[in-house]
Amino acid sequence: MQIRFILNDKGSPALKLADAELHFTEGPLAGLRLVGFAVWEGKRGGRNVTFPARTYSVNGERRSFALLRPQDSQSGVDAHDALAAQILDAYAAHVAALAAEAVTA
């Protein structure tokens, strides 16, 4: 799997840094990508990742339905945190590579 980023050059919404996509390179999902992830700057520092979700309305109240969900309660939390950390690490490497390119250009 590869993680690719589309930087938020427009600055809107304000704290969104980039959209992220998971590109599958092996197995039955090879050639497919999963979109809907986003990297955000925290209001108090740090970064976080949001996962794909679909919004819907019930009695005028907006709710969201997570599209990537755990198979069971405990392993799902660990898997969710591990994937978020992997996306954040890949984003940091992507930003560092862009900065290195800018210095050598």
PDB file of N, CA and C in Angstrom:
ATOM      1  N   MET A   1       0.843  -1.180   0.000  1.00  0.00           N
ATOM      2  CA  MET A   1       0.000   0.000   0.000  1.00  0.00           C
ATOM      3  C   MET A   1       0.884   1.237   0.000  1.00  0.00           C
ATOM      4  N   GLN A   2       0.503   2.215  -0.762  1.00  0.00           N
ATOM      5  CA  GLN A   2       1.173   3.511  -0.772  1.00  0.00           C
ATOM      6  C   GLN A   2       0.174   4.562  -0.312  1.00  0.00           C
ATOM      7  N   ILE A   3       0.692   5.599   0.337  1.00  0.00           N
ATOM      8  CA  ILE A   3      -0.154   6.702   0.779  1.00  0.00           C
ATOM      9  C   ILE A   3       0.219   7.919  -0.047  1.00  0.00           C
ATOM     10  N   ARG A   4      -0.763   8.495  -0.717  1.00  0.00           N
ATOM     11  CA  ARG A   4      -0.522   9.674  -1.549  1.00  0.00           C
ATOM     12  C   ARG A   4      -1.308  10.850  -0.988  1.00  0.00           C
ATOM     13  N   PHE A   5      -0.764  12.046  -1.214  1.00  0.00           N
ATOM     14  CA  PHE A   5      -1.359  13.254  -0.642  1.00  0.00           C
ATOM     15  C   PHE A   5      -1.675  14.275  -1.721  1.00  0.00           C
ATOM     16  N   ILE A   6      -2.767  15.000  -1.511  1.00  0.00           N
ATOM     17  CA  ILE A   6      -3.129  16.162  -2.324  1.00  0.00           C
ATOM     18  C   ILE A   6      -3.143  17.323  -1.340  1.00  0.00           C
ATOM     19  N   LEU A   7      -2.133  18.180  -1.440  1.00  0.00           N
ATOM     20  CA  LEU A   7      -1.994  19.282  -0.492  1.00  0.00           C
ATOM     21  C   LEU A   7      -3.130  20.274  -0.634  1.00  0.00           C
ATOM     22  N   ASN A   8      -3.524  20.874   0.467  1.00  0.00           N
ATOM     23  CA  ASN A   8      -4.582  21.881   0.490  1.00  0.00           C
ATOM     24  C   ASN A   8      -3.954  23.243   0.213  1.00  0.00           C
ATOM     25  N   ASP A   9      -3.734  23.536  -1.046  1.00  0.00           N
ATOM     26  CA  ASP A   9      -3.103  24.798  -1.453  1.00  0.00           C
ATOM     27  C   ASP A   9      -4.025  26.001  -1.290  1.00  0.00           C
ATOM     28  N   LYS A  10      -5.325  25.766  -1.282  1.00  0.00           N
ATOM     29  CA  LYS A  10      -6.289  26.868  -1.230  1.00  0.00           C
ATOM     30  C   LYS A  10      -6.491  27.405   0.191  1.00  0.00           C
ATOM     31  N   GLY A  11      -6.136  26.609   1.208  1.00  0.00           N
ATOM     32  CA  GLY A  11      -6.289  27.061   2.584  1.00  0.00           C
ATOM     33  C   GLY A  11      -7.706  27.009   3.109  1.00  0.00           C
ATOM     34  N   SER A  12      -8.579  26.301   2.408  1.00  0.00           N
ATOM     35  CA  SER A  12      -9.959  26.205   2.853  1.00  0.00           C
ATOM     36  C   SER A  12     -10.394  24.742   2.796  1.00  0.00           C
ATOM     37  N   PRO A  13     -10.875  24.181   3.861  1.00  0.00           N
ATOM     38  CA  PRO A  13     -11.040  24.751   5.193  1.00  0.00           C
ATOM     39  C   PRO A  13      -9.704  25.072   5.860  1.00  0.00           C
ATOM     40  N   ALA A  14      -9.757  25.945   6.816  1.00  0.00           N
ATOM     41  CA  ALA A  14      -8.564  26.593   7.360  1.00  0.00           C
ATOM     42  C   ALA A  14      -7.480  25.645   7.872  1.00  0.00           C
ATOM     43  N   LEU A  15      -7.783  24.657   8.660  1.00  0.00           N
ATOM     44  CA  LEU A  15      -6.752  23.836   9.286  1.00  0.00           C
ATOM     45  C   LEU A  15      -6.461  22.536   8.528  1.00  0.00           C
ATOM     46  N   LYS A  16      -7.092  22.355   7.379  1.00  0.00           N
ATOM     47  CA  LYS A  16      -6.864  21.135   6.589  1.00  0.00           C
ATOM     48  C   LYS A  16      -5.541  21.269   5.836  1.00  0.00           C
ATOM     49  N   LEU A  17      -4.644  20.306   6.059  1.00  0.00           N
ATOM     50  CA  LEU A  17      -3.334  20.330   5.412  1.00  0.00           C
ATOM     51  C   LEU A  17      -3.335  19.590   4.084  1.00  0.00           C
ATOM     52  N   ALA A  18      -4.029  18.446   4.030  1.00  0.00           N
ATOM     53  CA  ALA A  18      -4.008  17.638   2.809  1.00  0.00           C
ATOM     54  C   ALA A  18      -5.093  16.575   2.854  1.00  0.00           C
ATOM     55  N   ASP A  19      -5.482  16.121   1.667  1.00  0.00           N
ATOM     56  CA  ASP A  19      -6.287  14.912   1.534  1.00  0.00           C
ATOM     57  C   ASP A  19      -5.314  13.764   1.366  1.00  0.00           C
ATOM     58  N   ALA A  20      -5.692  12.589   1.822  1.00  0.00           N
ATOM     59  CA  ALA A  20      -4.832  11.415   1.691  1.00  0.00           C
ATOM     60  C   ALA A  20      -5.619  10.277   1.048  1.00  0.00           C
ATOM     61  N   GLU A  21      -4.906   9.486   0.247  1.00  0.00           N
ATOM     62  CA  GLU A  21      -5.486   8.324  -0.419  1.00  0.00           C
ATOM     63  C   GLU A  21      -4.594   7.123  -0.158  1.00  0.00           C
ATOM     64  N   LEU A  22      -5.209   5.974   0.028  1.00  0.00           N
ATOM     65  CA  LEU A  22      -4.460   4.729   0.140  1.00  0.00           C
ATOM     66  C   LEU A  22      -4.502   4.039  -1.210  1.00  0.00           C
ATOM     67  N   HIS A  23      -3.347   3.827  -1.813  1.00  0.00           N
ATOM     68  CA  HIS A  23      -3.245   3.141  -3.104  1.00  0.00           C
ATOM     69  C   HIS A  23      -2.756   1.727  -2.843  1.00  0.00           C
ATOM     70  N   PHE A  24      -3.555   0.745  -3.225  1.00  0.00           N
ATOM     71  CA  PHE A  24      -3.212  -0.644  -2.978  1.00  0.00           C
ATOM     72  C   PHE A  24      -2.375  -1.181  -4.134  1.00  0.00           C
ATOM     73  N   THR A  25      -1.264  -1.839  -3.791  1.00  0.00           N
ATOM     74  CA  THR A  25      -0.317  -2.302  -4.806  1.00  0.00           C
ATOM     75  C   THR A  25      -0.259  -3.821  -4.922  1.00  0.00           C
ATOM     76  N   GLU A  26      -0.808  -4.542  -3.944  1.00  0.00           N
ATOM     77  CA  GLU A  26      -0.769  -6.004  -3.963  1.00  0.00           C
ATOM     78  C   GLU A  26      -2.089  -6.570  -3.462  1.00  0.00           C
ATOM     79  N   GLY A  27      -2.282  -7.844  -3.718  1.00  0.00           N
ATOM     80  CA  GLY A  27      -3.455  -8.553  -3.217  1.00  0.00           C
ATOM     81  C   GLY A  27      -4.705  -8.248  -4.024  1.00  0.00           C
ATOM     82  N   PRO A  28      -5.860  -8.632  -3.497  1.00  0.00           N
ATOM     83  CA  PRO A  28      -7.114  -8.473  -4.247  1.00  0.00           C
ATOM     84  C   PRO A  28      -7.519  -7.019  -4.462  1.00  0.00           C
ATOM     85  N   LEU A  29      -6.958  -6.091  -3.707  1.00  0.00           N
ATOM     86  CA  LEU A  29      -7.286  -4.668  -3.876  1.00  0.00           C
ATOM     87  C   LEU A  29      -6.278  -3.944  -4.768  1.00  0.00           C
ATOM     88  N   ALA A  30      -5.296  -4.648  -5.314  1.00  0.00           N
ATOM     89  CA  ALA A  30      -4.286  -4.021  -6.177  1.00  0.00           C
ATOM     90  C   ALA A  30      -4.958  -3.270  -7.317  1.00  0.00           C
ATOM     91  N   GLY A  31      -4.492  -2.056  -7.549  1.00  0.00           N
ATOM     92  CA  GLY A  31      -5.053  -1.220  -8.596  1.00  0.00           C
ATOM     93  C   GLY A  31      -6.193  -0.334  -8.126  1.00  0.00           C
ATOM     94  N   LEU A  32      -6.603  -0.474  -6.873  1.00  0.00           N
ATOM     95  CA  LEU A  32      -7.685   0.348  -6.322  1.00  0.00           C
ATOM     96  C   LEU A  32      -7.118   1.339  -5.319  1.00  0.00           C
ATOM     97  N   ARG A  33      -7.884   2.380  -5.033  1.00  0.00           N
ATOM     98  CA  ARG A  33      -7.490   3.360  -4.022  1.00  0.00           C
ATOM     99  C   ARG A  33      -8.682   3.662  -3.134  1.00  0.00           C
ATOM    100  N   LEU A  34      -8.385   3.959  -1.887  1.00  0.00           N
ATOM    101  CA  LEU A  34      -9.405   4.319  -0.910  1.00  0.00           C
ATOM    102  C   LEU A  34      -9.206   5.787  -0.577  1.00  0.00           C
ATOM    103  N   VAL A  35     -10.214   6.597  -0.863  1.00  0.00           N
ATOM    104  CA  VAL A  35     -10.118   8.038  -0.668  1.00  0.00           C
ATOM    105  C   VAL A  35     -10.951   8.455   0.536  1.00  0.00           C
ATOM    106  N   GLY A  36     -10.808   9.701   0.949  1.00  0.00           N
ATOM    107  CA  GLY A  36     -11.642  10.239   2.014  1.00  0.00           C
ATOM    108  C   GLY A  36     -10.903  10.512   3.307  1.00  0.00           C
ATOM    109  N   PHE A  37      -9.602  10.267   3.341  1.00  0.00           N
ATOM    110  CA  PHE A  37      -8.798  10.583   4.519  1.00  0.00           C
ATOM    111  C   PHE A  37      -8.348  12.041   4.413  1.00  0.00           C
ATOM    112  N   ALA A  38      -8.117  12.685   5.535  1.00  0.00           N
ATOM    113  CA  ALA A  38      -7.605  14.051   5.529  1.00  0.00           C
ATOM    114  C   ALA A  38      -6.666  14.243   6.709  1.00  0.00           C
ATOM    115  N   VAL A  39      -5.628  15.058   6.503  1.00  0.00           N
ATOM    116  CA  VAL A  39      -4.678  15.410   7.551  1.00  0.00           C
ATOM    117  C   VAL A  39      -4.986  16.845   7.964  1.00  0.00           C
ATOM    118  N   TRP A  40      -5.125  17.046   9.271  1.00  0.00           N
ATOM    119  CA  TRP A  40      -5.501  18.351   9.820  1.00  0.00           C
ATOM    120  C   TRP A  40      -4.474  18.820  10.829  1.00  0.00           C
ATOM    121  N   GLU A  41      -4.307  20.136  10.907  1.00  0.00           N
ATOM    122  CA  GLU A  41      -3.485  20.751  11.953  1.00  0.00           C
ATOM    123  C   GLU A  41      -4.385  20.952  13.157  1.00  0.00           C
ATOM    124  N   GLY A  42      -3.932  20.514  14.327  1.00  0.00           N
ATOM    125  CA  GLY A  42      -4.723  20.679  15.546  1.00  0.00           C
ATOM    126  C   GLY A  42      -4.725  22.130  16.000  1.00  0.00           C
ATOM    127  N   LYS A  43      -5.776  22.547  16.632  1.00  0.00           N
ATOM    128  CA  LYS A  43      -5.862  23.930  17.123  1.00  0.00           C
ATOM    129  C   LYS A  43      -4.828  24.215  18.200  1.00  0.00           C
ATOM    130  N   ARG A  44      -4.439  23.172  18.926  1.00  0.00           N
ATOM    131  CA  ARG A  44      -3.436  23.326  19.985  1.00  0.00           C
ATOM    132  C   ARG A  44      -2.124  22.654  19.595  1.00  0.00           C
ATOM    133  N   GLY A  45      -1.854  22.581  18.319  1.00  0.00           N
ATOM    134  CA  GLY A  45      -0.645  21.929  17.843  1.00  0.00           C
ATOM    135  C   GLY A  45      -0.898  20.465  17.533  1.00  0.00           C
ATOM    136  N   GLY A  46       0.083  19.832  16.931  1.00  0.00           N
ATOM    137  CA  GLY A  46      -0.071  18.435  16.539  1.00  0.00           C
ATOM    138  C   GLY A  46      -0.923  18.304  15.291  1.00  0.00           C
ATOM    139  N   ARG A  47      -1.022  17.082  14.823  1.00  0.00           N
ATOM    140  CA  ARG A  47      -1.816  16.792  13.624  1.00  0.00           C
ATOM    141  C   ARG A  47      -2.701  15.590  13.906  1.00  0.00           C
ATOM    142  N   ASN A  48      -3.801  15.513  13.181  1.00  0.00           N
ATOM    143  CA  ASN A  48      -4.661  14.348  13.288  1.00  0.00           C
ATOM    144  C   ASN A  48      -5.210  13.970  11.922  1.00  0.00           C
ATOM    145  N   VAL A  49      -5.748  12.776  11.855  1.00  0.00           N
ATOM    146  CA  VAL A  49      -6.272  12.229  10.601  1.00  0.00           C
ATOM    147  C   VAL A  49      -7.756  11.956  10.777  1.00  0.00           C
ATOM    148  N   THR A  50      -8.546  12.354   9.788  1.00  0.00           N
ATOM    149  CA  THR A  50      -9.947  11.952   9.758  1.00  0.00           C
ATOM    150  C   THR A  50     -10.092  10.860   8.709  1.00  0.00           C
ATOM    151  N   PHE A  51     -11.014   9.946   8.973  1.00  0.00           N
ATOM    152  CA  PHE A  51     -11.241   8.787   8.120  1.00  0.00           C
ATOM    153  C   PHE A  51     -12.487   8.992   7.256  1.00  0.00           C
ATOM    154  N   PRO A  52     -12.616   8.230   6.182  1.00  0.00           N
ATOM    155  CA  PRO A  52     -13.786   8.381   5.305  1.00  0.00           C
ATOM    156  C   PRO A  52     -15.087   8.145   6.071  1.00  0.00           C
ATOM    157  N   ALA A  53     -16.063   8.995   5.810  1.00  0.00           N
ATOM    158  CA  ALA A  53     -17.378   8.869   6.434  1.00  0.00           C
ATOM    159  C   ALA A  53     -18.428   9.433   5.488  1.00  0.00           C
ATOM    160  N   ARG A  54     -19.638   8.988   5.677  1.00  0.00           N
ATOM    161  CA  ARG A  54     -20.756   9.490   4.889  1.00  0.00           C
ATOM    162  C   ARG A  54     -21.700  10.203   5.839  1.00  0.00           C
ATOM    163  N   THR A  55     -22.089  11.418   5.490  1.00  0.00           N
ATOM    164  CA  THR A  55     -23.004  12.157   6.361  1.00  0.00           C
ATOM    165  C   THR A  55     -24.451  11.891   5.944  1.00  0.00           C
ATOM    166  N   TYR A  56     -25.321  11.942   6.925  1.00  0.00           N
ATOM    167  CA  TYR A  56     -26.748  11.801   6.673  1.00  0.00           C
ATOM    168  C   TYR A  56     -27.490  12.617   7.713  1.00  0.00           C
ATOM    169  N   SER A  57     -28.770  12.785   7.517  1.00  0.00           N
ATOM    170  CA  SER A  57     -29.565  13.621   8.400  1.00  0.00           C
ATOM    171  C   SER A  57     -30.719  12.824   8.998  1.00  0.00           C
ATOM    172  N   VAL A  58     -30.937  12.987  10.309  1.00  0.00           N
ATOM    173  CA  VAL A  58     -32.072  12.377  11.006  1.00  0.00           C
ATOM    174  C   VAL A  58     -32.758  13.485  11.788  1.00  0.00           C
ATOM    175  N   ASN A  59     -33.997  13.776  11.430  1.00  0.00           N
ATOM    176  CA  ASN A  59     -34.765  14.836  12.093  1.00  0.00           C
ATOM    177  C   ASN A  59     -34.001  16.163  12.092  1.00  0.00           C
ATOM    178  N   GLY A  60     -33.343  16.480  11.001  1.00  0.00           N
ATOM    179  CA  GLY A  60     -32.607  17.728  10.870  1.00  0.00           C
ATOM    180  C   GLY A  60     -31.241  17.729  11.531  1.00  0.00           C
ATOM    181  N   GLU A  61     -30.866  16.644  12.190  1.00  0.00           N
ATOM    182  CA  GLU A  61     -29.568  16.551  12.843  1.00  0.00           C
ATOM    183  C   GLU A  61     -28.594  15.812  11.926  1.00  0.00           C
ATOM    184  N   ARG A  62     -27.422  16.418  11.724  1.00  0.00           N
ATOM    185  CA  ARG A  62     -26.413  15.786  10.864  1.00  0.00           C
ATOM    186  C   ARG A  62     -25.626  14.752  11.657  1.00  0.00           C
ATOM    187  N   ARG A  63     -25.490  13.586  11.072  1.00  0.00           N
ATOM    188  CA  ARG A  63     -24.710  12.504  11.674  1.00  0.00           C
ATOM    189  C   ARG A  63     -23.771  11.957  10.617  1.00  0.00           C
ATOM    190  N   SER A  64     -22.798  11.164  11.059  1.00  0.00           N
ATOM    191  CA  SER A  64     -21.904  10.553  10.081  1.00  0.00           C
ATOM    192  C   SER A  64     -21.787   9.058  10.344  1.00  0.00           C
ATOM    193  N   PHE A  65     -21.569   8.341   9.272  1.00  0.00           N
ATOM    194  CA  PHE A  65     -21.455   6.893   9.285  1.00  0.00           C
ATOM    195  C   PHE A  65     -20.043   6.552   8.822  1.00  0.00           C
ATOM    196  N   ALA A  66     -19.233   5.970   9.713  1.00  0.00           N
ATOM    197  CA  ALA A  66     -17.844   5.633   9.371  1.00  0.00           C
ATOM    198  C   ALA A  66     -17.826   4.537   8.314  1.00  0.00           C
ATOM    199  N   LEU A  67     -17.039   4.735   7.256  1.00  0.00           N
ATOM    200  CA  LEU A  67     -16.964   3.753   6.183  1.00  0.00           C
ATOM    201  C   LEU A  67     -15.892   2.696   6.432  1.00  0.00           C
ATOM    202  N   LEU A  68     -14.907   3.007   7.251  1.00  0.00           N
ATOM    203  CA  LEU A  68     -13.863   2.059   7.600  1.00  0.00           C
ATOM    204  C   LEU A  68     -14.030   1.752   9.087  1.00  0.00           C
ATOM    205  N   ARG A  69     -14.559   0.564   9.395  1.00  0.00           N
ATOM    206  CA  ARG A  69     -14.916   0.236  10.762  1.00  0.00           C
ATOM    207  C   ARG A  69     -14.211  -1.024  11.238  1.00  0.00           C
ATOM    208  N   PRO A  70     -14.038  -1.143  12.552  1.00  0.00           N
ATOM    209  CA  PRO A  70     -13.352  -2.325  13.100  1.00  0.00           C
ATOM    210  C   PRO A  70     -14.193  -3.588  12.981  1.00  0.00           C
ATOM    211  N   GLN A  71     -13.480  -4.715  12.886  1.00  0.00           N
ATOM    212  CA  GLN A  71     -14.171  -6.009  12.901  1.00  0.00           C
ATOM    213  C   GLN A  71     -14.663  -6.337  14.298  1.00  0.00           C
ATOM    214  N   ASP A  72     -13.889  -5.952  15.311  1.00  0.00           N
ATOM    215  CA  ASP A  72     -14.305  -6.129  16.702  1.00  0.00           C
ATOM    216  C   ASP A  72     -13.839  -4.917  17.497  1.00  0.00           C
ATOM    217  N   SER A  73     -14.231  -4.829  18.742  1.00  0.00           N
ATOM    218  CA  SER A  73     -14.013  -3.594  19.501  1.00  0.00           C
ATOM    219  C   SER A  73     -12.548  -3.270  19.776  1.00  0.00           C
ATOM    220  N   GLN A  74     -11.749  -4.193  20.270  1.00  0.00           N
ATOM    221  CA  GLN A  74     -10.381  -3.847  20.665  1.00  0.00           C
ATOM    222  C   GLN A  74      -9.411  -3.792  19.491  1.00  0.00           C
ATOM    223  N   SER A  75      -9.409  -4.788  18.635  1.00  0.00           N
ATOM    224  CA  SER A  75      -8.441  -4.785  17.536  1.00  0.00           C
ATOM    225  C   SER A  75      -8.708  -3.631  16.583  1.00  0.00           C
ATOM    226  N   GLY A  76      -9.946  -3.209  16.473  1.00  0.00           N
ATOM    227  CA  GLY A  76     -10.286  -2.094  15.607  1.00  0.00           C
ATOM    228  C   GLY A  76      -9.692  -0.787  16.076  1.00  0.00           C
ATOM    229  N   VAL A  77      -9.677  -0.563  17.389  1.00  0.00           N
ATOM    230  CA  VAL A  77      -9.085   0.650  17.942  1.00  0.00           C
ATOM    231  C   VAL A  77      -7.591   0.673  17.642  1.00  0.00           C
ATOM    232  N   ASP A  78      -6.922  -0.449  17.860  1.00  0.00           N
ATOM    233  CA  ASP A  78      -5.489  -0.549  17.582  1.00  0.00           C
ATOM    234  C   ASP A  78      -5.200  -0.345  16.093  1.00  0.00           C
ATOM    235  N   ALA A  79      -5.998  -0.961  15.237  1.00  0.00           N
ATOM    236  CA  ALA A  79      -5.803  -0.839  13.787  1.00  0.00           C
ATOM    237  C   ALA A  79      -6.045   0.602  13.332  1.00  0.00           C
ATOM    238  N   HIS A  80      -7.067   1.233  13.875  1.00  0.00           N
ATOM    239  CA  HIS A  80      -7.383   2.622  13.541  1.00  0.00           C
ATOM    240  C   HIS A  80      -6.220   3.536  13.912  1.00  0.00           C
ATOM    241  N   ASP A  81      -5.717   3.386  15.144  1.00  0.00           N
ATOM    242  CA  ASP A  81      -4.603   4.212  15.615  1.00  0.00           C
ATOM    243  C   ASP A  81      -3.339   3.953  14.802  1.00  0.00           C
ATOM    244  N   ALA A  82      -3.087   2.693  14.456  1.00  0.00           N
ATOM    245  CA  ALA A  82      -1.893   2.339  13.674  1.00  0.00           C
ATOM    246  C   ALA A  82      -1.965   2.948  12.276  1.00  0.00           C
ATOM    247  N   LEU A  83      -3.140   2.905  11.640  1.00  0.00           N
ATOM    248  CA  LEU A  83      -3.281   3.488  10.308  1.00  0.00           C
ATOM    249  C   LEU A  83      -3.148   5.000  10.369  1.00  0.00           C
ATOM    250  N   ALA A  84      -3.747   5.635  11.361  1.00  0.00           N
ATOM    251  CA  ALA A  84      -3.618   7.088  11.507  1.00  0.00           C
ATOM    252  C   ALA A  84      -2.156   7.473  11.693  1.00  0.00           C
ATOM    253  N   ALA A  85      -1.420   6.722  12.507  1.00  0.00           N
ATOM    254  CA  ALA A  85       0.010   7.001  12.722  1.00  0.00           C
ATOM    255  C   ALA A  85       0.799   6.816  11.435  1.00  0.00           C
ATOM    256  N   GLN A  86       0.464   5.790  10.661  1.00  0.00           N
ATOM    257  CA  GLN A  86       1.163   5.548   9.397  1.00  0.00           C
ATOM    258  C   GLN A  86       0.903   6.689   8.413  1.00  0.00           C
ATOM    259  N   ILE A  87      -0.320   7.185   8.358  1.00  0.00           N
ATOM    260  CA  ILE A  87      -0.645   8.309   7.474  1.00  0.00           C
ATOM    261  C   ILE A  87       0.095   9.564   7.923  1.00  0.00           C
ATOM    262  N   LEU A  88       0.133   9.827   9.225  1.00  0.00           N
ATOM    263  CA  LEU A  88       0.845  11.007   9.733  1.00  0.00           C
ATOM    264  C   LEU A  88       2.350  10.912   9.467  1.00  0.00           C
ATOM    265  N   ASP A  89       2.929   9.726   9.631  1.00  0.00           N
ATOM    266  CA  ASP A  89       4.350   9.536   9.328  1.00  0.00           C
ATOM    267  C   ASP A  89       4.629   9.764   7.844  1.00  0.00           C
ATOM    268  N   ALA A  90       3.767   9.238   6.990  1.00  0.00           N
ATOM    269  CA  ALA A  90       3.938   9.418   5.547  1.00  0.00           C
ATOM    270  C   ALA A  90       3.787  10.889   5.170  1.00  0.00           C
ATOM    271  N   TYR A  91       2.867  11.601   5.828  1.00  0.00           N
ATOM    272  CA  TYR A  91       2.690  13.025   5.546  1.00  0.00           C
ATOM    273  C   TYR A  91       3.940  13.810   5.946  1.00  0.00           C
ATOM    274  N   ALA A  92       4.499  13.509   7.119  1.00  0.00           N
ATOM    275  CA  ALA A  92       5.726  14.191   7.568  1.00  0.00           C
ATOM    276  C   ALA A  92       6.863  13.940   6.583  1.00  0.00           C
ATOM    277  N   ALA A  93       6.981  12.710   6.091  1.00  0.00           N
ATOM    278  CA  ALA A  93       8.023  12.394   5.105  1.00  0.00           C
ATOM    279  C   ALA A  93       7.768  13.130   3.799  1.00  0.00           C
ATOM    280  N   HIS A  94       6.506  13.237   3.397  1.00  0.00           N
ATOM    281  CA  HIS A  94       6.143  13.939   2.161  1.00  0.00           C
ATOM    282  C   HIS A  94       6.503  15.426   2.256  1.00  0.00           C
ATOM    283  N   VAL A  95       6.179  16.046   3.381  1.00  0.00           N
ATOM    284  CA  VAL A  95       6.490  17.466   3.585  1.00  0.00           C
ATOM    285  C   VAL A  95       7.999  17.678   3.623  1.00  0.00           C
ATOM    286  N   ALA A  96       8.731  16.770   4.266  1.00  0.00           N
ATOM    287  CA  ALA A  96      10.190  16.875   4.318  1.00  0.00           C
ATOM    288  C   ALA A  96      10.799  16.744   2.928  1.00  0.00           C
ATOM    289  N   ALA A  97      10.268  15.841   2.118  1.00  0.00           N
ATOM    290  CA  ALA A  97      10.766  15.672   0.745  1.00  0.00           C
ATOM    291  C   ALA A  97      10.498  16.921  -0.087  1.00  0.00           C
ATOM    292  N   LEU A  98       9.320  17.521   0.089  1.00  0.00           N
ATOM    293  CA  LEU A  98       9.014  18.768  -0.634  1.00  0.00           C
ATOM    294  C   LEU A  98       9.953  19.885  -0.219  1.00  0.00           C
ATOM    295  N   ALA A  99      10.258  19.973   1.084  1.00  0.00           N
ATOM    296  CA  ALA A  99      11.168  21.006   1.567  1.00  0.00           C
ATOM    297  C   ALA A  99      12.568  20.776   1.023  1.00  0.00           C
ATOM    298  N   ALA A 100      13.015  19.530   0.951  1.00  0.00           N
ATOM    299  CA  ALA A 100      14.338  19.213   0.399  1.00  0.00           C
ATOM    300  C   ALA A 100      14.416  19.582  -1.080  1.00  0.00           C
ATOM    301  N   GLU A 101      13.331  19.318  -1.814  1.00  0.00           N
ATOM    302  CA  GLU A 101      13.289  19.690  -3.236  1.00  0.00           C
ATOM    303  C   GLU A 101      13.378  21.202  -3.406  1.00  0.00           C
ATOM    304  N   ALA A 102      12.692  21.943  -2.543  1.00  0.00           N
ATOM    305  CA  ALA A 102      12.686  23.394  -2.633  1.00  0.00           C
ATOM    306  C   ALA A 102      14.073  23.965  -2.358  1.00  0.00           C
ATOM    307  N   VAL A 103      14.822  23.343  -1.456  1.00  0.00           N
ATOM    308  CA  VAL A 103      16.164  23.805  -1.125  1.00  0.00           C
ATOM    309  C   VAL A 103      17.119  23.560  -2.283  1.00  0.00           C
ATOM    310  N   THR A 104      16.989  22.404  -2.952  1.00  0.00           N
ATOM    311  CA  THR A 104      17.905  22.077  -4.037  1.00  0.00           C
ATOM    312  C   THR A 104      17.513  22.746  -5.345  1.00  0.00           C
ATOM    313  N   ALA A 105      16.322  23.266  -5.447  1.00  0.00           N
ATOM    314  CA  ALA A 105      15.868  23.897  -6.698  1.00  0.00           C
ATOM    315  C   ALA A 105      16.381  25.306  -6.851  1.00  0.00           C
TER     316      ALA A 105
END
